[in-house]
Amino acid sequence: MTYLVSGNVQSGIWMYSGLGATSFSPAPIAVPTGFAEFPAEFMPPAPRTAVEKSVNIVRWTKMPKGGHFAAWEQPELFAQEVGEFFREFH
């Protein structure tokens, strides 16, 4: 509703219009990357094997609960996962 009443609805829907409009080929990401897969996300992630072709995935965790606003919905789980990711580099 905030987007609608403020006249900024475009910023809330840009990803939907761009999903199939053009092919997207991201530049490879070499930095170690972690991904937390929350089960209630409204848009499921690409398969890990597909992501690993262009992203240096070093940690991929299937979380037990949470969704799109994971840090707000499950702050303890989110913080624990971020901490575990960075602990691997300490």
PDB file of N, CA and C in Angstrom:
ATOM      1  N   MET A   1       0.825  -1.183   0.000  1.00  0.00           N
ATOM      2  CA  MET A   1       0.000   0.000   0.000  1.00  0.00           C
ATOM      3  C   MET A   1       0.875   1.253   0.000  1.00  0.00           C
ATOM      4  N   THR A   2       1.989   1.180   0.705  1.00  0.00           N
ATOM      5  CA  THR A   2       2.889   2.338   0.749  1.00  0.00           C
ATOM      6  C   THR A   2       3.325   2.745  -0.648  1.00  0.00           C
ATOM      7  N   TYR A   3       3.638   1.760  -1.484  1.00  0.00           N
ATOM      8  CA  TYR A   3       4.052   2.059  -2.849  1.00  0.00           C
ATOM      9  C   TYR A   3       2.933   2.749  -3.631  1.00  0.00           C
ATOM     10  N   LEU A   4       1.714   2.272  -3.449  1.00  0.00           N
ATOM     11  CA  LEU A   4       0.593   2.835  -4.203  1.00  0.00           C
ATOM     12  C   LEU A   4       0.286   4.272  -3.801  1.00  0.00           C
ATOM     13  N   VAL A   5       0.185   4.532  -2.512  1.00  0.00           N
ATOM     14  CA  VAL A   5      -0.204   5.880  -2.073  1.00  0.00           C
ATOM     15  C   VAL A   5       0.904   6.906  -2.262  1.00  0.00           C
ATOM     16  N   SER A   6       2.148   6.433  -2.354  1.00  0.00           N
ATOM     17  CA  SER A   6       3.247   7.373  -2.559  1.00  0.00           C
ATOM     18  C   SER A   6       3.601   7.549  -4.038  1.00  0.00           C
ATOM     19  N   GLY A   7       2.917   6.796  -4.916  1.00  0.00           N
ATOM     20  CA  GLY A   7       3.180   6.916  -6.345  1.00  0.00           C
ATOM     21  C   GLY A   7       4.452   6.222  -6.785  1.00  0.00           C
ATOM     22  N   ASN A   8       4.924   5.248  -6.007  1.00  0.00           N
ATOM     23  CA  ASN A   8       6.174   4.556  -6.315  1.00  0.00           C
ATOM     24  C   ASN A   8       5.977   3.064  -6.575  1.00  0.00           C
ATOM     25  N   VAL A   9       4.854   2.695  -7.127  1.00  0.00           N
ATOM     26  CA  VAL A   9       4.555   1.283  -7.330  1.00  0.00           C
ATOM     27  C   VAL A   9       5.584   0.609  -8.250  1.00  0.00           C
ATOM     28  N   GLN A  10       6.206   1.366  -9.140  1.00  0.00           N
ATOM     29  CA  GLN A  10       7.203   0.776 -10.052  1.00  0.00           C
ATOM     30  C   GLN A  10       8.339   0.107  -9.293  1.00  0.00           C
ATOM     31  N   SER A  11       8.785   0.706  -8.203  1.00  0.00           N
ATOM     32  CA  SER A  11       9.894   0.131  -7.456  1.00  0.00           C
ATOM     33  C   SER A  11       9.496  -1.158  -6.751  1.00  0.00           C
ATOM     34  N   GLY A  12       8.199  -1.380  -6.562  1.00  0.00           N
ATOM     35  CA  GLY A  12       7.735  -2.594  -5.914  1.00  0.00           C
ATOM     36  C   GLY A  12       7.481  -3.748  -6.877  1.00  0.00           C
ATOM     37  N   ILE A  13       7.351  -3.443  -8.178  1.00  0.00           N
ATOM     38  CA  ILE A  13       7.016  -4.496  -9.133  1.00  0.00           C
ATOM     39  C   ILE A  13       8.042  -4.671 -10.244  1.00  0.00           C
ATOM     40  N   TRP A  14       9.159  -3.974 -10.193  1.00  0.00           N
ATOM     41  CA  TRP A  14      10.143  -4.029 -11.277  1.00  0.00           C
ATOM     42  C   TRP A  14      10.615  -5.446 -11.567  1.00  0.00           C
ATOM     43  N   MET A  15      10.803  -6.257 -10.517  1.00  0.00           N
ATOM     44  CA  MET A  15      11.350  -7.592 -10.762  1.00  0.00           C
ATOM     45  C   MET A  15      10.357  -8.493 -11.478  1.00  0.00           C
ATOM     46  N   TYR A  16       9.063  -8.262 -11.273  1.00  0.00           N
ATOM     47  CA  TYR A  16       8.081  -9.098 -11.952  1.00  0.00           C
ATOM     48  C   TYR A  16       8.070  -8.832 -13.460  1.00  0.00           C
ATOM     49  N   SER A  17       8.169  -7.580 -13.843  1.00  0.00           N
ATOM     50  CA  SER A  17       8.160  -7.266 -15.265  1.00  0.00           C
ATOM     51  C   SER A  17       9.459  -7.671 -15.942  1.00  0.00           C
ATOM     52  N   GLY A  18      10.534  -7.715 -15.200  1.00  0.00           N
ATOM     53  CA  GLY A  18      11.818  -8.042 -15.787  1.00  0.00           C
ATOM     54  C   GLY A  18      12.159  -9.520 -15.816  1.00  0.00           C
ATOM     55  N   LEU A  19      11.361 -10.336 -15.144  1.00  0.00           N
ATOM     56  CA  LEU A  19      11.688 -11.755 -15.053  1.00  0.00           C
ATOM     57  C   LEU A  19      11.812 -12.443 -16.408  1.00  0.00           C
ATOM     58  N   GLY A  20      10.890 -12.173 -17.305  1.00  0.00           N
ATOM     59  CA  GLY A  20      10.932 -12.863 -18.578  1.00  0.00           C
ATOM     60  C   GLY A  20      11.204 -11.967 -19.757  1.00  0.00           C
ATOM     61  N   ALA A  21      11.404 -10.686 -19.499  1.00  0.00           N
ATOM     62  CA  ALA A  21      11.556  -9.728 -20.595  1.00  0.00           C
ATOM     63  C   ALA A  21      12.856  -9.916 -21.368  1.00  0.00           C
ATOM     64  N   THR A  22      13.943 -10.144 -20.681  1.00  0.00           N
ATOM     65  CA  THR A  22      15.240 -10.307 -21.348  1.00  0.00           C
ATOM     66  C   THR A  22      16.017 -11.415 -20.660  1.00  0.00           C
ATOM     67  N   SER A  23      16.975 -11.959 -21.361  1.00  0.00           N
ATOM     68  CA  SER A  23      17.823 -12.954 -20.710  1.00  0.00           C
ATOM     69  C   SER A  23      18.840 -12.218 -19.845  1.00  0.00           C
ATOM     70  N   PHE A  24      19.144 -12.805 -18.729  1.00  0.00           N
ATOM     71  CA  PHE A  24      20.045 -12.171 -17.781  1.00  0.00           C
ATOM     72  C   PHE A  24      21.242 -13.079 -17.567  1.00  0.00           C
ATOM     73  N   SER A  25      22.406 -12.560 -17.785  1.00  0.00           N
ATOM     74  CA  SER A  25      23.624 -13.331 -17.591  1.00  0.00           C
ATOM     75  C   SER A  25      24.545 -12.542 -16.659  1.00  0.00           C
ATOM     76  N   PRO A  26      24.483 -12.852 -15.350  1.00  0.00           N
ATOM     77  CA  PRO A  26      25.290 -12.087 -14.401  1.00  0.00           C
ATOM     78  C   PRO A  26      26.781 -12.374 -14.549  1.00  0.00           C
ATOM     79  N   ALA A  27      27.580 -11.398 -14.163  1.00  0.00           N
ATOM     80  CA  ALA A  27      29.026 -11.594 -14.121  1.00  0.00           C
ATOM     81  C   ALA A  27      29.333 -12.564 -12.995  1.00  0.00           C
ATOM     82  N   PRO A  28      30.319 -13.413 -13.161  1.00  0.00           N
ATOM     83  CA  PRO A  28      30.662 -14.366 -12.099  1.00  0.00           C
ATOM     84  C   PRO A  28      31.004 -13.653 -10.784  1.00  0.00           C
ATOM     85  N   ILE A  29      30.587 -14.244  -9.691  1.00  0.00           N
ATOM     86  CA  ILE A  29      30.866 -13.704  -8.363  1.00  0.00           C
ATOM     87  C   ILE A  29      31.896 -14.617  -7.715  1.00  0.00           C
ATOM     88  N   ALA A  30      33.100 -14.100  -7.509  1.00  0.00           N
ATOM     89  CA  ALA A  30      34.198 -14.912  -6.997  1.00  0.00           C
ATOM     90  C   ALA A  30      34.303 -14.915  -5.474  1.00  0.00           C
ATOM     91  N   VAL A  31      33.769 -13.900  -4.816  1.00  0.00           N
ATOM     92  CA  VAL A  31      33.884 -13.852  -3.356  1.00  0.00           C
ATOM     93  C   VAL A  31      33.083 -14.992  -2.729  1.00  0.00           C
ATOM     94  N   PRO A  32      33.546 -15.550  -1.631  1.00  0.00           N
ATOM     95  CA  PRO A  32      32.797 -16.617  -0.962  1.00  0.00           C
ATOM     96  C   PRO A  32      31.403 -16.112  -0.597  1.00  0.00           C
ATOM     97  N   THR A  33      30.402 -16.897  -0.944  1.00  0.00           N
ATOM     98  CA  THR A  33      29.019 -16.473  -0.773  1.00  0.00           C
ATOM     99  C   THR A  33      28.220 -17.523  -0.033  1.00  0.00           C
ATOM    100  N   GLY A  34      27.378 -17.063   0.888  1.00  0.00           N
ATOM    101  CA  GLY A  34      26.488 -17.954   1.611  1.00  0.00           C
ATOM    102  C   GLY A  34      25.054 -17.665   1.215  1.00  0.00           C
ATOM    103  N   PHE A  35      24.222 -18.688   1.270  1.00  0.00           N
ATOM    104  CA  PHE A  35      22.809 -18.527   0.923  1.00  0.00           C
ATOM    105  C   PHE A  35      21.963 -19.272   1.944  1.00  0.00           C
ATOM    106  N   ALA A  36      21.005 -18.589   2.517  1.00  0.00           N
ATOM    107  CA  ALA A  36      20.066 -19.203   3.453  1.00  0.00           C
ATOM    108  C   ALA A  36      18.733 -19.336   2.728  1.00  0.00           C
ATOM    109  N   GLU A  37      18.306 -20.573   2.520  1.00  0.00           N
ATOM    110  CA  GLU A  37      17.068 -20.858   1.793  1.00  0.00           C
ATOM    111  C   GLU A  37      15.924 -20.991   2.791  1.00  0.00           C
ATOM    112  N   PHE A  38      15.103 -19.948   2.870  1.00  0.00           N
ATOM    113  CA  PHE A  38      13.975 -19.949   3.795  1.00  0.00           C
ATOM    114  C   PHE A  38      12.752 -20.541   3.104  1.00  0.00           C
ATOM    115  N   PRO A  39      12.041 -21.478   3.751  1.00  0.00           N
ATOM    116  CA  PRO A  39      10.973 -22.226   3.095  1.00  0.00           C
ATOM    117  C   PRO A  39       9.743 -21.413   2.707  1.00  0.00           C
ATOM    118  N   ALA A  40       9.475 -20.308   3.378  1.00  0.00           N
ATOM    119  CA  ALA A  40       8.267 -19.544   3.074  1.00  0.00           C
ATOM    120  C   ALA A  40       8.533 -18.373   2.132  1.00  0.00           C
ATOM    121  N   GLU A  41       9.662 -18.374   1.451  1.00  0.00           N
ATOM    122  CA  GLU A  41       9.965 -17.328   0.463  1.00  0.00           C
ATOM    123  C   GLU A  41       8.945 -17.418  -0.656  1.00  0.00           C
ATOM    124  N   PHE A  42       8.425 -16.270  -1.097  1.00  0.00           N
ATOM    125  CA  PHE A  42       7.373 -16.278  -2.118  1.00  0.00           C
ATOM    126  C   PHE A  42       7.894 -16.660  -3.497  1.00  0.00           C
ATOM    127  N   MET A  43       9.180 -16.562  -3.701  1.00  0.00           N
ATOM    128  CA  MET A  43       9.767 -16.890  -4.989  1.00  0.00           C
ATOM    129  C   MET A  43      10.901 -17.882  -4.747  1.00  0.00           C
ATOM    130  N   PRO A  44      10.721 -19.139  -5.115  1.00  0.00           N
ATOM    131  CA  PRO A  44      11.766 -20.124  -4.803  1.00  0.00           C
ATOM    132  C   PRO A  44      13.078 -19.815  -5.506  1.00  0.00           C
ATOM    133  N   PRO A  45      14.199 -20.160  -4.872  1.00  0.00           N
ATOM    134  CA  PRO A  45      15.497 -19.883  -5.494  1.00  0.00           C
ATOM    135  C   PRO A  45      15.773 -20.832  -6.657  1.00  0.00           C
ATOM    136  N   ALA A  46      16.711 -20.431  -7.474  1.00  0.00           N
ATOM    137  CA  ALA A  46      17.177 -21.330  -8.535  1.00  0.00           C
ATOM    138  C   ALA A  46      17.866 -22.517  -7.875  1.00  0.00           C
ATOM    139  N   PRO A  47      17.931 -23.644  -8.562  1.00  0.00           N
ATOM    140  CA  PRO A  47      18.648 -24.789  -7.979  1.00  0.00           C
ATOM    141  C   PRO A  47      20.107 -24.438  -7.689  1.00  0.00           C
ATOM    142  N   ARG A  48      20.621 -25.005  -6.626  1.00  0.00           N
ATOM    143  CA  ARG A  48      21.997 -24.710  -6.224  1.00  0.00           C
ATOM    144  C   ARG A  48      22.986 -24.975  -7.353  1.00  0.00           C
ATOM    145  N   THR A  49      22.787 -26.053  -8.089  1.00  0.00           N
ATOM    146  CA  THR A  49      23.714 -26.382  -9.176  1.00  0.00           C
ATOM    147  C   THR A  49      23.746 -25.282 -10.235  1.00  0.00           C
ATOM    148  N   ALA A  50      22.623 -24.636 -10.462  1.00  0.00           N
ATOM    149  CA  ALA A  50      22.579 -23.541 -11.436  1.00  0.00           C
ATOM    150  C   ALA A  50      23.274 -22.301 -10.883  1.00  0.00           C
ATOM    151  N   VAL A  51      23.062 -22.016  -9.605  1.00  0.00           N
ATOM    152  CA  VAL A  51      23.667 -20.844  -8.979  1.00  0.00           C
ATOM    153  C   VAL A  51      25.187 -20.989  -8.926  1.00  0.00           C
ATOM    154  N   GLU A  52      25.647 -22.185  -8.632  1.00  0.00           N
ATOM    155  CA  GLU A  52      27.090 -22.418  -8.499  1.00  0.00           C
ATOM    156  C   GLU A  52      27.863 -22.219  -9.796  1.00  0.00           C
ATOM    157  N   LYS A  53      27.182 -22.165 -10.909  1.00  0.00           N
ATOM    158  CA  LYS A  53      27.859 -21.931 -12.185  1.00  0.00           C
ATOM    159  C   LYS A  53      28.429 -20.520 -12.277  1.00  0.00           C
ATOM    160  N   SER A  54      27.824 -19.579 -11.540  1.00  0.00           N
ATOM    161  CA  SER A  54      28.316 -18.202 -11.621  1.00  0.00           C
ATOM    162  C   SER A  54      28.589 -17.562 -10.263  1.00  0.00           C
ATOM    163  N   VAL A  55      28.319 -18.284  -9.183  1.00  0.00           N
ATOM    164  CA  VAL A  55      28.519 -17.736  -7.835  1.00  0.00           C
ATOM    165  C   VAL A  55      29.354 -18.726  -7.025  1.00  0.00           C
ATOM    166  N   ASN A  56      30.328 -18.216  -6.288  1.00  0.00           N
ATOM    167  CA  ASN A  56      31.192 -19.043  -5.442  1.00  0.00           C
ATOM    168  C   ASN A  56      30.459 -19.372  -4.132  1.00  0.00           C
ATOM    169  N   ILE A  57      29.548 -20.334  -4.203  1.00  0.00           N
ATOM    170  CA  ILE A  57      28.766 -20.729  -3.029  1.00  0.00           C
ATOM    171  C   ILE A  57      29.641 -21.593  -2.121  1.00  0.00           C
ATOM    172  N   VAL A  58      29.844 -21.144  -0.890  1.00  0.00           N
ATOM    173  CA  VAL A  58      30.606 -21.925   0.079  1.00  0.00           C
ATOM    174  C   VAL A  58      29.708 -22.447   1.199  1.00  0.00           C
ATOM    175  N   ARG A  59      28.493 -21.897   1.277  1.00  0.00           N
ATOM    176  CA  ARG A  59      27.547 -22.348   2.303  1.00  0.00           C
ATOM    177  C   ARG A  59      26.132 -22.134   1.780  1.00  0.00           C
ATOM    178  N   TRP A  60      25.338 -23.197   1.779  1.00  0.00           N
ATOM    179  CA  TRP A  60      23.941 -23.134   1.347  1.00  0.00           C
ATOM    180  C   TRP A  60      23.151 -23.857   2.423  1.00  0.00           C
ATOM    181  N   THR A  61      22.330 -23.135   3.150  1.00  0.00           N
ATOM    182  CA  THR A  61      21.619 -23.716   4.284  1.00  0.00           C
ATOM    183  C   THR A  61      20.116 -23.666   4.049  1.00  0.00           C
ATOM    184  N   LYS A  62      19.462 -24.810   4.197  1.00  0.00           N
ATOM    185  CA  LYS A  62      18.000 -24.863   4.147  1.00  0.00           C
ATOM    186  C   LYS A  62      17.507 -24.580   5.558  1.00  0.00           C
ATOM    187  N   MET A  63      16.878 -23.437   5.720  1.00  0.00           N
ATOM    188  CA  MET A  63      16.427 -23.009   7.035  1.00  0.00           C
ATOM    189  C   MET A  63      15.119 -23.710   7.405  1.00  0.00           C
ATOM    190  N   PRO A  64      14.855 -23.921   8.692  1.00  0.00           N
ATOM    191  CA  PRO A  64      13.651 -24.646   9.111  1.00  0.00           C
ATOM    192  C   PRO A  64      12.364 -23.837   9.000  1.00  0.00           C
ATOM    193  N   LYS A  65      12.457 -22.514   9.085  1.00  0.00           N
ATOM    194  CA  LYS A  65      11.254 -21.677   8.986  1.00  0.00           C
ATOM    195  C   LYS A  65      11.663 -20.263   8.618  1.00  0.00           C
ATOM    196  N   GLY A  66      10.676 -19.482   8.207  1.00  0.00           N
ATOM    197  CA  GLY A  66      10.935 -18.105   7.810  1.00  0.00           C
ATOM    198  C   GLY A  66      10.653 -17.911   6.332  1.00  0.00           C
ATOM    199  N   GLY A  67      10.605 -16.650   5.934  1.00  0.00           N
ATOM    200  CA  GLY A  67      10.282 -16.352   4.551  1.00  0.00           C
ATOM    201  C   GLY A  67      10.986 -15.118   4.037  1.00  0.00           C
ATOM    202  N   HIS A  68      10.250 -14.335   3.257  1.00  0.00           N
ATOM    203  CA  HIS A  68      10.812 -13.195   2.547  1.00  0.00           C
ATOM    204  C   HIS A  68      11.463 -12.167   3.480  1.00  0.00           C
ATOM    205  N   PHE A  69      10.889 -11.962   4.631  1.00  0.00           N
ATOM    206  CA  PHE A  69      11.439 -11.012   5.604  1.00  0.00           C
ATOM    207  C   PHE A  69      12.087 -11.785   6.753  1.00  0.00           C
ATOM    208  N   ALA A  70      12.993 -12.678   6.404  1.00  0.00           N
ATOM    209  CA  ALA A  70      13.575 -13.619   7.360  1.00  0.00           C
ATOM    210  C   ALA A  70      14.220 -12.943   8.566  1.00  0.00           C
ATOM    211  N   ALA A  71      14.941 -11.874   8.351  1.00  0.00           N
ATOM    212  CA  ALA A  71      15.619 -11.210   9.465  1.00  0.00           C
ATOM    213  C   ALA A  71      14.610 -10.635  10.456  1.00  0.00           C
ATOM    214  N   TRP A  72      13.436 -10.332   9.991  1.00  0.00           N
ATOM    215  CA  TRP A  72      12.383  -9.798  10.849  1.00  0.00           C
ATOM    216  C   TRP A  72      11.547 -10.935  11.436  1.00  0.00           C
ATOM    217  N   GLU A  73      11.248 -11.945  10.611  1.00  0.00           N
ATOM    218  CA  GLU A  73      10.404 -13.049  11.043  1.00  0.00           C
ATOM    219  C   GLU A  73      11.123 -13.997  12.001  1.00  0.00           C
ATOM    220  N   GLN A  74      12.390 -14.285  11.699  1.00  0.00           N
ATOM    221  CA  GLN A  74      13.178 -15.240  12.478  1.00  0.00           C
ATOM    222  C   GLN A  74      14.552 -14.636  12.798  1.00  0.00           C
ATOM    223  N   PRO A  75      14.599 -13.556  13.584  1.00  0.00           N
ATOM    224  CA  PRO A  75      15.872 -12.858  13.798  1.00  0.00           C
ATOM    225  C   PRO A  75      16.963 -13.730  14.415  1.00  0.00           C
ATOM    226  N   GLU A  76      16.590 -14.635  15.327  1.00  0.00           N
ATOM    227  CA  GLU A  76      17.605 -15.481  15.951  1.00  0.00           C
ATOM    228  C   GLU A  76      18.220 -16.440  14.936  1.00  0.00           C
ATOM    229  N   LEU A  77      17.362 -17.092  14.145  1.00  0.00           N
ATOM    230  CA  LEU A  77      17.858 -18.020  13.121  1.00  0.00           C
ATOM    231  C   LEU A  77      18.719 -17.296  12.093  1.00  0.00           C
ATOM    232  N   PHE A  78      18.257 -16.127  11.669  1.00  0.00           N
ATOM    233  CA  PHE A  78      18.986 -15.351  10.672  1.00  0.00           C
ATOM    234  C   PHE A  78      20.361 -14.953  11.205  1.00  0.00           C
ATOM    235  N   ALA A  79      20.395 -14.407  12.413  1.00  0.00           N
ATOM    236  CA  ALA A  79      21.660 -13.970  13.007  1.00  0.00           C
ATOM    237  C   ALA A  79      22.605 -15.148  13.222  1.00  0.00           C
ATOM    238  N   GLN A  80      22.055 -16.279  13.648  1.00  0.00           N
ATOM    239  CA  GLN A  80      22.880 -17.473  13.855  1.00  0.00           C
ATOM    240  C   GLN A  80      23.501 -17.917  12.530  1.00  0.00           C
ATOM    241  N   GLU A  81      22.734 -17.907  11.461  1.00  0.00           N
ATOM    242  CA  GLU A  81      23.250 -18.336  10.160  1.00  0.00           C
ATOM    243  C   GLU A  81      24.332 -17.393   9.643  1.00  0.00           C
ATOM    244  N   VAL A  82      24.120 -16.096   9.787  1.00  0.00           N
ATOM    245  CA  VAL A  82      25.134 -15.122   9.356  1.00  0.00           C
ATOM    246  C   VAL A  82      26.414 -15.324  10.159  1.00  0.00           C
ATOM    247  N   GLY A  83      26.270 -15.520  11.471  1.00  0.00           N
ATOM    248  CA  GLY A  83      27.435 -15.758  12.320  1.00  0.00           C
ATOM    249  C   GLY A  83      28.184 -17.020  11.932  1.00  0.00           C
ATOM    250  N   GLU A  84      27.444 -18.095  11.652  1.00  0.00           N
ATOM    251  CA  GLU A  84      28.077 -19.357  11.240  1.00  0.00           C
ATOM    252  C   GLU A  84      28.831 -19.194   9.924  1.00  0.00           C
ATOM    253  N   PHE A  85      28.270 -18.439   9.005  1.00  0.00           N
ATOM    254  CA  PHE A  85      28.933 -18.210   7.726  1.00  0.00           C
ATOM    255  C   PHE A  85      30.284 -17.511   7.943  1.00  0.00           C
ATOM    256  N   PHE A  86      30.287 -16.434   8.725  1.00  0.00           N
ATOM    257  CA  PHE A  86      31.516 -15.680   8.917  1.00  0.00           C
ATOM    258  C   PHE A  86      32.520 -16.392   9.820  1.00  0.00           C
ATOM    259  N   ARG A  87      32.041 -17.257  10.704  1.00  0.00           N
ATOM    260  CA  ARG A  87      32.936 -18.033  11.566  1.00  0.00           C
ATOM    261  C   ARG A  87      33.858 -18.932  10.731  1.00  0.00           C
ATOM    262  N   GLU A  88      33.400 -19.351   9.570  1.00  0.00           N
ATOM    263  CA  GLU A  88      34.201 -20.213   8.712  1.00  0.00           C
ATOM    264  C   GLU A  88      35.444 -19.495   8.176  1.00  0.00           C
ATOM    265  N   PHE A  89      35.459 -18.178   8.257  1.00  0.00           N
ATOM    266  CA  PHE A  89      36.580 -17.397   7.719  1.00  0.00           C
ATOM    267  C   PHE A  89      37.461 -16.815   8.823  1.00  0.00           C
ATOM    268  N   HIS A  90      37.172 -17.145  10.039  1.00  0.00           N
ATOM    269  CA  HIS A  90      37.925 -16.606  11.176  1.00  0.00           C
ATOM    270  C   HIS A  90      39.101 -17.455  11.504  1.00  0.00           C
TER     271      HIS A  90
END
